[in-house]
Amino acid sequence: MLIRERGFDRITMAEIAASIGLSEGSLYNYVPSKRELAIRVSERWFAGQTATLSQTLDTFSSTQEKITLIVERHIAMILDQPELFLMWIREVRATDAYQASSSRDIFRAYTGLLRTTLKNARKRDEIRHEMSDDMMRDMIYGGAEHIAWTSIVQKREKNFDTRAAAKTLSSTYWRALKTDSETTPQTGLEDRLSRIEEKLDQLT
């Protein structure tokens, strides 16, 4: 794939057309601009990642295992296609049009797998309530992306142990997020009653 080999910025529409057996003019009949091509490629990529990850998540029951899988897949995705991920950041996500675009919806479906995992964990009182869903999402994905990019910059990606890194990172997150294991059932009940009282106060 040209993007993977050379990077999106360094390829031309003529080269893209030639790689798929079309003239440059014919390619423009399908995509009106290079940026539109970036959008379509990115959306297809994230949609595929979402479908695959969703199927695998359904085979796990533990919240911690699900977080580990999400972190592992996100790191692996960046390490496998760094130029594609960089194209997504620069050409799609960083633009003014992103907030109202289909690309945002597709990306939210991807990150929504983590949000759903955390939401279900909240319902079971497995994780603390101090941190918002958005903050937890940004912390988890942000950490995964930083680790992936650091290994690329330091040229360690070929020997990088993605699974081990994901387990270490997710276990750290889990210790920070999980409900205190030493909390007694009575204390846990009191905490839940306090939260219910707070919500009732807000309603009144």
N, C-alpha and C. Protein backbone atom coordinates (compact mmCIF):
# COMPACT_ATOMS: atom_id res chain seq x y z
N MET A 1 0.85 -1.18 0.00
CA MET A 1 0.00 0.00 0.00
C MET A 1 0.89 1.24 0.00
N LEU A 2 0.59 2.17 -0.91
CA LEU A 2 1.43 3.35 -1.07
C LEU A 2 1.52 4.19 0.20
N ILE A 3 0.39 4.36 0.88
CA ILE A 3 0.38 5.19 2.09
C ILE A 3 1.29 4.58 3.15
N ARG A 4 1.22 3.29 3.30
CA ARG A 4 2.04 2.61 4.31
C ARG A 4 3.52 2.70 3.96
N GLU A 5 3.84 2.58 2.69
CA GLU A 5 5.25 2.55 2.28
C GLU A 5 5.90 3.92 2.26
N ARG A 6 5.14 4.96 1.84
CA ARG A 6 5.77 6.26 1.62
C ARG A 6 5.14 7.41 2.41
N GLY A 7 3.96 7.17 2.96
CA GLY A 7 3.29 8.24 3.67
C GLY A 7 2.36 9.02 2.76
N PHE A 8 1.26 9.49 3.30
CA PHE A 8 0.23 10.15 2.50
C PHE A 8 0.74 11.43 1.84
N ASP A 9 1.55 12.19 2.56
CA ASP A 9 2.03 13.48 2.05
C ASP A 9 2.92 13.33 0.82
N ARG A 10 3.58 12.19 0.70
CA ARG A 10 4.61 12.04 -0.35
C ARG A 10 4.10 11.32 -1.59
N ILE A 11 2.84 10.98 -1.64
CA ILE A 11 2.31 10.33 -2.83
C ILE A 11 1.36 11.28 -3.57
N THR A 12 1.23 11.06 -4.88
CA THR A 12 0.37 11.90 -5.70
C THR A 12 -0.85 11.11 -6.16
N MET A 13 -1.85 11.81 -6.61
CA MET A 13 -3.04 11.14 -7.13
C MET A 13 -2.70 10.33 -8.38
N ALA A 14 -1.74 10.81 -9.16
CA ALA A 14 -1.32 10.06 -10.35
C ALA A 14 -0.71 8.71 -9.95
N GLU A 15 0.08 8.70 -8.89
CA GLU A 15 0.68 7.44 -8.43
C GLU A 15 -0.37 6.51 -7.86
N ILE A 16 -1.34 7.06 -7.15
CA ILE A 16 -2.43 6.24 -6.61
C ILE A 16 -3.22 5.62 -7.75
N ALA A 17 -3.53 6.43 -8.76
CA ALA A 17 -4.29 5.92 -9.91
C ALA A 17 -3.53 4.80 -10.62
N ALA A 18 -2.24 5.00 -10.84
CA ALA A 18 -1.44 3.99 -11.52
C ALA A 18 -1.38 2.69 -10.74
N SER A 19 -1.36 2.79 -9.40
CA SER A 19 -1.24 1.59 -8.57
C SER A 19 -2.49 0.71 -8.63
N ILE A 20 -3.63 1.30 -9.03
CA ILE A 20 -4.86 0.52 -9.12
C ILE A 20 -5.34 0.38 -10.57
N GLY A 21 -4.47 0.73 -11.51
CA GLY A 21 -4.77 0.52 -12.91
C GLY A 21 -5.72 1.52 -13.53
N LEU A 22 -5.73 2.76 -13.04
CA LEU A 22 -6.59 3.79 -13.59
C LEU A 22 -5.75 4.97 -14.05
N SER A 23 -6.33 5.77 -14.92
CA SER A 23 -5.69 7.05 -15.25
C SER A 23 -6.03 8.04 -14.13
N GLU A 24 -5.25 9.09 -14.03
CA GLU A 24 -5.52 10.07 -12.97
C GLU A 24 -6.90 10.69 -13.15
N GLY A 25 -7.27 10.97 -14.40
CA GLY A 25 -8.59 11.54 -14.67
C GLY A 25 -9.71 10.62 -14.24
N SER A 26 -9.53 9.32 -14.47
CA SER A 26 -10.57 8.35 -14.07
C SER A 26 -10.70 8.29 -12.56
N LEU A 27 -9.57 8.40 -11.85
CA LEU A 27 -9.61 8.36 -10.39
C LEU A 27 -10.44 9.51 -9.84
N TYR A 28 -10.31 10.68 -10.47
CA TYR A 28 -11.07 11.84 -10.00
C TYR A 28 -12.58 11.69 -10.23
N ASN A 29 -12.98 10.75 -11.06
CA ASN A 29 -14.40 10.46 -11.21
C ASN A 29 -14.96 9.78 -9.97
N TYR A 30 -14.09 9.10 -9.23
CA TYR A 30 -14.50 8.38 -8.02
C TYR A 30 -14.27 9.20 -6.75
N VAL A 31 -13.16 9.92 -6.68
CA VAL A 31 -12.86 10.77 -5.53
C VAL A 31 -12.44 12.15 -6.04
N PRO A 32 -13.11 13.21 -5.59
CA PRO A 32 -12.84 14.54 -6.14
C PRO A 32 -11.53 15.18 -5.68
N SER A 33 -10.92 14.64 -4.62
CA SER A 33 -9.69 15.25 -4.11
C SER A 33 -8.89 14.23 -3.33
N LYS A 34 -7.65 14.57 -3.09
CA LYS A 34 -6.78 13.70 -2.31
C LYS A 34 -7.27 13.60 -0.86
N ARG A 35 -7.77 14.70 -0.34
CA ARG A 35 -8.29 14.68 1.04
C ARG A 35 -9.52 13.79 1.14
N GLU A 36 -10.38 13.81 0.13
CA GLU A 36 -11.55 12.94 0.14
C GLU A 36 -11.12 11.48 0.13
N LEU A 37 -10.05 11.19 -0.57
CA LEU A 37 -9.51 9.83 -0.57
C LEU A 37 -9.05 9.44 0.83
N ALA A 38 -8.39 10.38 1.51
CA ALA A 38 -7.94 10.13 2.88
C ALA A 38 -9.13 9.82 3.79
N ILE A 39 -10.21 10.55 3.61
CA ILE A 39 -11.41 10.34 4.43
C ILE A 39 -11.98 8.95 4.20
N ARG A 40 -12.11 8.57 2.94
CA ARG A 40 -12.72 7.26 2.62
C ARG A 40 -11.86 6.11 3.11
N VAL A 41 -10.56 6.23 2.92
CA VAL A 41 -9.65 5.17 3.38
C VAL A 41 -9.70 5.06 4.90
N SER A 42 -9.68 6.20 5.59
CA SER A 42 -9.70 6.21 7.05
C SER A 42 -11.00 5.63 7.59
N GLU A 43 -12.11 6.01 7.00
CA GLU A 43 -13.40 5.52 7.48
C GLU A 43 -13.51 4.02 7.31
N ARG A 44 -13.06 3.52 6.18
CA ARG A 44 -13.11 2.07 5.96
C ARG A 44 -12.20 1.35 6.95
N TRP A 45 -11.05 1.93 7.21
CA TRP A 45 -10.08 1.33 8.14
C TRP A 45 -10.67 1.23 9.56
N PHE A 46 -11.22 2.34 10.05
CA PHE A 46 -11.77 2.33 11.40
C PHE A 46 -13.02 1.47 11.51
N ALA A 47 -13.83 1.45 10.47
CA ALA A 47 -15.02 0.60 10.49
C ALA A 47 -14.62 -0.87 10.59
N GLY A 48 -13.58 -1.26 9.85
CA GLY A 48 -13.09 -2.62 9.92
C GLY A 48 -12.52 -2.96 11.29
N GLN A 49 -11.75 -2.03 11.86
CA GLN A 49 -11.18 -2.22 13.19
C GLN A 49 -12.29 -2.38 14.23
N THR A 50 -13.33 -1.58 14.10
CA THR A 50 -14.44 -1.63 15.05
C THR A 50 -15.17 -2.97 15.00
N ALA A 51 -15.44 -3.44 13.79
CA ALA A 51 -16.16 -4.70 13.62
C ALA A 51 -15.36 -5.87 14.20
N THR A 52 -14.08 -5.90 13.91
CA THR A 52 -13.23 -7.00 14.40
C THR A 52 -13.11 -6.96 15.92
N LEU A 53 -12.86 -5.77 16.47
CA LEU A 53 -12.70 -5.63 17.91
C LEU A 53 -13.99 -5.96 18.65
N SER A 54 -15.11 -5.54 18.10
CA SER A 54 -16.40 -5.80 18.73
C SER A 54 -16.66 -7.30 18.85
N GLN A 55 -16.36 -8.04 17.81
CA GLN A 55 -16.57 -9.49 17.83
C GLN A 55 -15.70 -10.15 18.89
N THR A 56 -14.46 -9.70 19.01
CA THR A 56 -13.55 -10.31 19.98
C THR A 56 -13.93 -9.94 21.40
N LEU A 57 -14.35 -8.71 21.62
CA LEU A 57 -14.74 -8.27 22.96
C LEU A 57 -15.88 -9.11 23.51
N ASP A 58 -16.77 -9.54 22.64
CA ASP A 58 -17.92 -10.33 23.07
C ASP A 58 -17.52 -11.68 23.65
N THR A 59 -16.29 -12.10 23.41
CA THR A 59 -15.84 -13.40 23.93
C THR A 59 -15.26 -13.27 25.34
N PHE A 60 -15.11 -12.04 25.85
CA PHE A 60 -14.57 -11.81 27.19
C PHE A 60 -15.69 -11.38 28.14
N SER A 61 -15.56 -11.77 29.39
CA SER A 61 -16.53 -11.35 30.40
C SER A 61 -15.93 -10.38 31.40
N SER A 62 -14.62 -10.45 31.61
CA SER A 62 -13.94 -9.59 32.58
C SER A 62 -13.71 -8.20 32.01
N THR A 63 -14.04 -7.19 32.79
CA THR A 63 -13.82 -5.81 32.36
C THR A 63 -12.34 -5.54 32.15
N GLN A 64 -11.51 -6.02 33.05
CA GLN A 64 -10.07 -5.79 32.92
C GLN A 64 -9.53 -6.44 31.64
N GLU A 65 -10.00 -7.62 31.32
CA GLU A 65 -9.57 -8.29 30.08
C GLU A 65 -10.01 -7.50 28.86
N LYS A 66 -11.19 -6.93 28.93
CA LYS A 66 -11.68 -6.14 27.80
C LYS A 66 -10.84 -4.88 27.61
N ILE A 67 -10.50 -4.22 28.70
CA ILE A 67 -9.66 -3.03 28.61
C ILE A 67 -8.29 -3.40 28.05
N THR A 68 -7.75 -4.52 28.50
CA THR A 68 -6.45 -4.99 27.99
C THR A 68 -6.51 -5.21 26.49
N LEU A 69 -7.57 -5.85 26.03
CA LEU A 69 -7.72 -6.10 24.60
C LEU A 69 -7.83 -4.80 23.80
N ILE A 70 -8.62 -3.86 24.31
CA ILE A 70 -8.79 -2.58 23.62
C ILE A 70 -7.45 -1.86 23.51
N VAL A 71 -6.70 -1.83 24.60
CA VAL A 71 -5.39 -1.17 24.59
C VAL A 71 -4.44 -1.88 23.63
N GLU A 72 -4.42 -3.21 23.68
CA GLU A 72 -3.54 -3.98 22.80
C GLU A 72 -3.85 -3.73 21.33
N ARG A 73 -5.11 -3.76 20.98
CA ARG A 73 -5.50 -3.57 19.58
C ARG A 73 -5.17 -2.15 19.10
N HIS A 74 -5.35 -1.17 19.99
CA HIS A 74 -5.07 0.21 19.59
C HIS A 74 -3.57 0.41 19.35
N ILE A 75 -2.76 -0.12 20.23
CA ILE A 75 -1.31 -0.02 20.05
C ILE A 75 -0.90 -0.75 18.77
N ALA A 76 -1.41 -1.96 18.59
CA ALA A 76 -1.05 -2.77 17.42
C ALA A 76 -1.48 -2.09 16.13
N MET A 77 -2.63 -1.45 16.14
CA MET A 77 -3.14 -0.77 14.95
C MET A 77 -2.19 0.34 14.52
N ILE A 78 -1.70 1.10 15.49
CA ILE A 78 -0.79 2.21 15.18
C ILE A 78 0.56 1.68 14.71
N LEU A 79 1.07 0.67 15.39
CA LEU A 79 2.37 0.11 15.01
C LEU A 79 2.33 -0.53 13.63
N ASP A 80 1.20 -1.13 13.29
CA ASP A 80 1.07 -1.80 12.00
C ASP A 80 0.89 -0.81 10.85
N GLN A 81 0.18 0.29 11.12
CA GLN A 81 -0.11 1.28 10.06
C GLN A 81 0.15 2.70 10.57
N PRO A 82 1.37 3.03 10.94
CA PRO A 82 1.63 4.38 11.47
C PRO A 82 1.32 5.50 10.49
N GLU A 83 1.63 5.30 9.21
CA GLU A 83 1.37 6.35 8.22
C GLU A 83 -0.13 6.55 8.01
N LEU A 84 -0.87 5.47 8.09
CA LEU A 84 -2.32 5.56 7.93
C LEU A 84 -2.94 6.29 9.12
N PHE A 85 -2.44 5.98 10.32
CA PHE A 85 -2.95 6.66 11.51
C PHE A 85 -2.58 8.13 11.49
N LEU A 86 -1.38 8.44 11.03
CA LEU A 86 -0.93 9.83 10.93
C LEU A 86 -1.78 10.58 9.90
N MET A 87 -2.11 9.92 8.80
CA MET A 87 -2.98 10.52 7.79
C MET A 87 -4.34 10.85 8.40
N TRP A 88 -4.86 9.92 9.19
CA TRP A 88 -6.15 10.14 9.85
C TRP A 88 -6.10 11.37 10.77
N ILE A 89 -5.03 11.48 11.55
CA ILE A 89 -4.91 12.61 12.47
C ILE A 89 -4.83 13.93 11.71
N ARG A 90 -3.97 13.99 10.70
CA ARG A 90 -3.71 15.25 10.00
C ARG A 90 -4.81 15.64 9.02
N GLU A 91 -5.25 14.69 8.22
CA GLU A 91 -6.14 15.01 7.10
C GLU A 91 -7.62 14.93 7.46
N VAL A 92 -7.96 14.24 8.52
CA VAL A 92 -9.37 14.03 8.85
C VAL A 92 -9.72 14.62 10.21
N ARG A 93 -9.09 14.12 11.25
CA ARG A 93 -9.49 14.48 12.60
C ARG A 93 -9.16 15.94 12.95
N ALA A 94 -8.09 16.46 12.41
CA ALA A 94 -7.65 17.81 12.78
C ALA A 94 -8.32 18.92 11.97
N THR A 95 -9.26 18.59 11.12
CA THR A 95 -9.90 19.59 10.27
C THR A 95 -11.15 20.17 10.92
N ASP A 96 -11.54 21.36 10.47
CA ASP A 96 -12.73 22.02 11.01
C ASP A 96 -14.00 21.24 10.69
N ALA A 97 -14.00 20.51 9.58
CA ALA A 97 -15.20 19.80 9.16
C ALA A 97 -15.43 18.51 9.93
N TYR A 98 -14.46 18.11 10.72
CA TYR A 98 -14.53 16.79 11.39
C TYR A 98 -15.72 16.66 12.33
N GLN A 99 -16.02 17.70 13.11
CA GLN A 99 -17.04 17.60 14.16
C GLN A 99 -18.42 17.23 13.61
N ALA A 100 -18.71 17.62 12.39
CA ALA A 100 -20.03 17.33 11.81
C ALA A 100 -19.96 16.27 10.71
N SER A 101 -18.90 15.48 10.70
CA SER A 101 -18.67 14.54 9.61
C SER A 101 -19.03 13.10 9.97
N SER A 102 -19.15 12.28 8.93
CA SER A 102 -19.37 10.86 9.14
C SER A 102 -18.13 10.21 9.75
N SER A 103 -16.97 10.79 9.51
CA SER A 103 -15.73 10.26 10.08
C SER A 103 -15.78 10.28 11.61
N ARG A 104 -16.33 11.35 12.15
CA ARG A 104 -16.46 11.45 13.61
C ARG A 104 -17.38 10.37 14.14
N ASP A 105 -18.48 10.12 13.44
CA ASP A 105 -19.42 9.08 13.86
C ASP A 105 -18.74 7.71 13.85
N ILE A 106 -17.95 7.45 12.83
CA ILE A 106 -17.27 6.17 12.72
C ILE A 106 -16.22 6.02 13.82
N PHE A 107 -15.50 7.10 14.09
CA PHE A 107 -14.50 7.04 15.16
C PHE A 107 -15.16 6.89 16.53
N ARG A 108 -16.30 7.54 16.73
CA ARG A 108 -17.02 7.39 18.00
C ARG A 108 -17.54 5.97 18.18
N ALA A 109 -17.87 5.31 17.08
CA ALA A 109 -18.27 3.91 17.18
C ALA A 109 -17.10 3.05 17.64
N TYR A 110 -15.91 3.40 17.14
CA TYR A 110 -14.69 2.68 17.54
C TYR A 110 -14.39 2.90 19.02
N THR A 111 -14.32 4.16 19.45
CA THR A 111 -14.04 4.44 20.86
C THR A 111 -15.24 4.10 21.74
N GLY A 112 -16.41 3.99 21.14
CA GLY A 112 -17.61 3.65 21.89
C GLY A 112 -17.54 2.25 22.50
N LEU A 113 -16.72 1.39 21.94
CA LEU A 113 -16.57 0.05 22.51
C LEU A 113 -15.98 0.14 23.91
N LEU A 114 -15.04 1.06 24.09
CA LEU A 114 -14.48 1.28 25.43
C LEU A 114 -15.50 1.95 26.34
N ARG A 115 -16.22 2.93 25.82
CA ARG A 115 -17.22 3.63 26.63
C ARG A 115 -18.29 2.66 27.12
N THR A 116 -18.72 1.75 26.27
CA THR A 116 -19.72 0.76 26.67
C THR A 116 -19.17 -0.17 27.74
N THR A 117 -17.91 -0.58 27.58
CA THR A 117 -17.26 -1.44 28.57
C THR A 117 -17.22 -0.74 29.93
N LEU A 118 -16.85 0.53 29.94
CA LEU A 118 -16.76 1.28 31.19
C LEU A 118 -18.15 1.55 31.78
N LYS A 119 -19.12 1.83 30.92
CA LYS A 119 -20.48 2.09 31.39
C LYS A 119 -21.06 0.85 32.08
N ASN A 120 -20.84 -0.31 31.49
CA ASN A 120 -21.33 -1.54 32.10
C ASN A 120 -20.62 -1.84 33.41
N ALA A 121 -19.33 -1.49 33.47
CA ALA A 121 -18.57 -1.69 34.71
C ALA A 121 -19.10 -0.76 35.81
N ARG A 122 -19.49 0.44 35.44
CA ARG A 122 -20.08 1.36 36.41
C ARG A 122 -21.37 0.79 36.99
N LYS A 123 -22.20 0.25 36.12
CA LYS A 123 -23.48 -0.31 36.56
C LYS A 123 -23.27 -1.43 37.58
N ARG A 124 -22.18 -2.17 37.43
CA ARG A 124 -21.88 -3.27 38.36
C ARG A 124 -21.03 -2.80 39.54
N ASP A 125 -20.81 -1.50 39.63
CA ASP A 125 -19.98 -0.91 40.69
C ASP A 125 -18.58 -1.52 40.73
N GLU A 126 -18.05 -1.83 39.55
CA GLU A 126 -16.68 -2.36 39.46
C GLU A 126 -15.64 -1.25 39.45
N ILE A 127 -16.04 -0.07 38.99
CA ILE A 127 -15.07 1.03 38.89
C ILE A 127 -15.59 2.25 39.63
N ARG A 128 -14.66 3.13 39.97
CA ARG A 128 -14.99 4.33 40.72
C ARG A 128 -15.83 5.30 39.88
N HIS A 129 -16.45 6.22 40.58
CA HIS A 129 -17.35 7.17 39.90
C HIS A 129 -16.77 8.58 39.82
N GLU A 130 -15.57 8.79 40.33
CA GLU A 130 -15.01 10.15 40.34
C GLU A 130 -14.67 10.65 38.93
N MET A 131 -14.22 9.76 38.07
CA MET A 131 -13.75 10.16 36.75
C MET A 131 -14.83 9.98 35.69
N SER A 132 -15.00 10.97 34.83
CA SER A 132 -16.02 10.89 33.79
C SER A 132 -15.62 9.87 32.72
N ASP A 133 -16.61 9.44 31.95
CA ASP A 133 -16.34 8.50 30.86
C ASP A 133 -15.36 9.10 29.85
N ASP A 134 -15.55 10.38 29.53
CA ASP A 134 -14.67 11.04 28.57
C ASP A 134 -13.23 11.08 29.07
N MET A 135 -13.06 11.37 30.36
CA MET A 135 -11.72 11.44 30.92
C MET A 135 -11.05 10.06 30.91
N MET A 136 -11.81 9.04 31.26
CA MET A 136 -11.26 7.68 31.24
C MET A 136 -10.88 7.27 29.82
N ARG A 137 -11.75 7.59 28.87
CA ARG A 137 -11.46 7.28 27.47
C ARG A 137 -10.18 7.96 27.01
N ASP A 138 -10.06 9.26 27.30
CA ASP A 138 -8.87 10.00 26.87
C ASP A 138 -7.61 9.47 27.54
N MET A 139 -7.71 9.09 28.80
CA MET A 139 -6.56 8.56 29.53
C MET A 139 -6.10 7.24 28.93
N ILE A 140 -7.04 6.35 28.66
CA ILE A 140 -6.70 5.01 28.18
C ILE A 140 -6.16 5.06 26.75
N TYR A 141 -6.89 5.74 25.85
CA TYR A 141 -6.41 5.81 24.47
C TYR A 141 -5.17 6.69 24.35
N GLY A 142 -5.12 7.76 25.15
CA GLY A 142 -3.95 8.64 25.11
C GLY A 142 -2.68 7.92 25.52
N GLY A 143 -2.78 7.12 26.58
CA GLY A 143 -1.62 6.35 27.02
C GLY A 143 -1.16 5.34 25.99
N ALA A 144 -2.13 4.66 25.37
CA ALA A 144 -1.81 3.67 24.35
C ALA A 144 -1.13 4.33 23.15
N GLU A 145 -1.65 5.47 22.72
CA GLU A 145 -1.06 6.16 21.57
C GLU A 145 0.34 6.68 21.88
N HIS A 146 0.54 7.18 23.08
CA HIS A 146 1.86 7.69 23.45
C HIS A 146 2.90 6.57 23.44
N ILE A 147 2.54 5.43 23.98
CA ILE A 147 3.46 4.29 24.00
C ILE A 147 3.79 3.83 22.58
N ALA A 148 2.77 3.77 21.72
CA ALA A 148 2.98 3.33 20.34
C ALA A 148 3.90 4.29 19.60
N TRP A 149 3.61 5.60 19.69
CA TRP A 149 4.41 6.59 18.96
C TRP A 149 5.83 6.67 19.49
N THR A 150 6.00 6.50 20.80
CA THR A 150 7.35 6.52 21.37
C THR A 150 8.19 5.38 20.81
N SER A 151 7.59 4.20 20.69
CA SER A 151 8.33 3.06 20.16
C SER A 151 8.68 3.27 18.69
N ILE A 152 7.81 3.97 17.95
CA ILE A 152 8.09 4.26 16.54
C ILE A 152 9.23 5.27 16.43
N VAL A 153 9.15 6.34 17.22
CA VAL A 153 10.19 7.38 17.19
C VAL A 153 11.54 6.80 17.58
N GLN A 154 11.54 5.91 18.56
CA GLN A 154 12.78 5.30 19.02
C GLN A 154 13.18 4.07 18.19
N LYS A 155 12.38 3.80 17.14
CA LYS A 155 12.64 2.70 16.21
C LYS A 155 12.72 1.35 16.94
N ARG A 156 11.77 1.15 17.85
CA ARG A 156 11.70 -0.11 18.58
C ARG A 156 10.46 -0.92 18.19
N GLU A 157 9.72 -0.44 17.16
CA GLU A 157 8.42 -1.05 16.87
C GLU A 157 8.51 -2.50 16.40
N LYS A 158 9.63 -2.87 15.73
CA LYS A 158 9.73 -4.22 15.19
C LYS A 158 9.87 -5.27 16.29
N ASN A 159 10.50 -4.89 17.40
CA ASN A 159 10.70 -5.82 18.51
C ASN A 159 9.80 -5.49 19.71
N PHE A 160 8.83 -4.64 19.47
CA PHE A 160 7.98 -4.19 20.58
C PHE A 160 6.99 -5.28 20.97
N ASP A 161 6.89 -5.57 22.26
CA ASP A 161 5.97 -6.59 22.76
C ASP A 161 4.64 -5.91 23.10
N THR A 162 3.76 -5.88 22.11
CA THR A 162 2.49 -5.18 22.26
C THR A 162 1.64 -5.78 23.38
N ARG A 163 1.59 -7.08 23.44
CA ARG A 163 0.78 -7.76 24.46
C ARG A 163 1.25 -7.42 25.87
N ALA A 164 2.56 -7.49 26.08
CA ALA A 164 3.10 -7.19 27.41
C ALA A 164 2.85 -5.74 27.79
N ALA A 165 3.03 -4.83 26.84
CA ALA A 165 2.79 -3.41 27.12
C ALA A 165 1.33 -3.16 27.45
N ALA A 166 0.43 -3.81 26.70
CA ALA A 166 -1.00 -3.63 26.94
C ALA A 166 -1.39 -4.16 28.32
N LYS A 167 -0.84 -5.29 28.71
CA LYS A 167 -1.16 -5.86 30.02
C LYS A 167 -0.67 -4.95 31.14
N THR A 168 0.53 -4.42 30.99
CA THR A 168 1.08 -3.54 32.01
C THR A 168 0.26 -2.25 32.12
N LEU A 169 -0.05 -1.66 30.97
CA LEU A 169 -0.79 -0.41 30.96
C LEU A 169 -2.21 -0.60 31.50
N SER A 170 -2.88 -1.63 31.04
CA SER A 170 -4.27 -1.85 31.46
C SER A 170 -4.36 -2.23 32.94
N SER A 171 -3.38 -2.98 33.43
CA SER A 171 -3.41 -3.34 34.86
C SER A 171 -3.20 -2.09 35.72
N THR A 172 -2.39 -1.16 35.23
CA THR A 172 -2.19 0.11 35.95
C THR A 172 -3.49 0.91 35.96
N TYR A 173 -4.14 0.98 34.81
CA TYR A 173 -5.42 1.66 34.73
C TYR A 173 -6.44 1.00 35.66
N TRP A 174 -6.45 -0.31 35.64
CA TRP A 174 -7.44 -1.04 36.43
C TRP A 174 -7.27 -0.79 37.92
N ARG A 175 -6.04 -0.76 38.38
CA ARG A 175 -5.80 -0.48 39.81
C ARG A 175 -6.30 0.91 40.18
N ALA A 176 -6.18 1.84 39.24
CA ALA A 176 -6.63 3.21 39.51
C ALA A 176 -8.15 3.35 39.43
N LEU A 177 -8.76 2.58 38.56
CA LEU A 177 -10.19 2.75 38.30
C LEU A 177 -11.09 1.85 39.14
N LYS A 178 -10.61 0.68 39.51
CA LYS A 178 -11.50 -0.29 40.14
C LYS A 178 -11.94 0.16 41.53
N THR A 179 -13.10 -0.30 41.94
CA THR A 179 -13.58 -0.06 43.28
C THR A 179 -12.65 -0.72 44.27
N ASP A 180 -12.38 -0.07 45.39
CA ASP A 180 -11.46 -0.59 46.40
C ASP A 180 -11.86 -2.00 46.81
N SER A 181 -10.96 -2.95 46.62
CA SER A 181 -11.26 -4.35 46.93
C SER A 181 -11.44 -4.59 48.42
N GLU A 182 -10.95 -3.63 49.24
CA GLU A 182 -11.08 -3.80 50.69
C GLU A 182 -12.36 -3.20 51.22
N THR A 183 -13.14 -2.58 50.32
CA THR A 183 -14.41 -2.00 50.75
C THR A 183 -15.37 -3.10 51.16
N THR A 184 -15.93 -3.00 52.32
CA THR A 184 -16.86 -4.02 52.80
C THR A 184 -18.19 -3.88 52.10
N PRO A 185 -19.02 -4.93 52.07
CA PRO A 185 -20.33 -4.82 51.44
C PRO A 185 -21.15 -3.70 52.03
N GLN A 186 -21.07 -3.50 53.40
CA GLN A 186 -21.85 -2.45 54.03
C GLN A 186 -21.38 -1.08 53.56
N THR A 187 -20.05 -0.92 53.46
CA THR A 187 -19.52 0.35 53.00
C THR A 187 -19.92 0.61 51.56
N GLY A 188 -19.87 -0.45 50.74
CA GLY A 188 -20.29 -0.32 49.35
C GLY A 188 -21.74 0.09 49.24
N LEU A 189 -22.59 -0.48 50.13
CA LEU A 189 -24.00 -0.12 50.14
C LEU A 189 -24.17 1.33 50.54
N GLU A 190 -23.41 1.77 51.54
CA GLU A 190 -23.50 3.16 51.97
C GLU A 190 -23.10 4.11 50.85
N ASP A 191 -22.05 3.73 50.11
CA ASP A 191 -21.62 4.57 48.99
C ASP A 191 -22.72 4.70 47.95
N ARG A 192 -23.37 3.58 47.64
CA ARG A 192 -24.43 3.60 46.63
C ARG A 192 -25.62 4.43 47.12
N LEU A 193 -25.95 4.31 48.41
CA LEU A 193 -27.05 5.09 48.95
C LEU A 193 -26.73 6.59 48.92
N SER A 194 -25.47 6.91 49.19
CA SER A 194 -25.06 8.32 49.14
C SER A 194 -25.21 8.87 47.74
N ARG A 195 -24.82 8.05 46.74
CA ARG A 195 -24.95 8.51 45.36
C ARG A 195 -26.41 8.69 44.97
N ILE A 196 -27.27 7.80 45.46
CA ILE A 196 -28.70 7.91 45.17
C ILE A 196 -29.26 9.19 45.80
N GLU A 197 -28.84 9.47 47.04
CA GLU A 197 -29.29 10.68 47.72
C GLU A 197 -28.85 11.93 46.98
N GLU A 198 -27.61 11.91 46.46
CA GLU A 198 -27.11 13.05 45.71
C GLU A 198 -27.93 13.28 44.46
N LYS A 199 -28.28 12.19 43.76
CA LYS A 199 -29.09 12.33 42.55
C LYS A 199 -30.48 12.85 42.88
N LEU A 200 -31.06 12.39 44.01
CA LEU A 200 -32.37 12.88 44.41
C LEU A 200 -32.32 14.37 44.75
N ASP A 201 -31.22 14.78 45.39
CA ASP A 201 -31.06 16.20 45.72
C ASP A 201 -31.00 17.04 44.44
N GLN A 202 -30.30 16.50 43.44
CA GLN A 202 -30.17 17.23 42.18
C GLN A 202 -31.53 17.37 41.49
N LEU A 203 -32.34 16.32 41.60
CA LEU A 203 -33.65 16.35 40.98
C LEU A 203 -34.60 17.34 41.65
N THR A 204 -34.43 17.47 42.97
CA THR A 204 -35.31 18.38 43.71
C THR A 204 -34.77 19.79 43.76
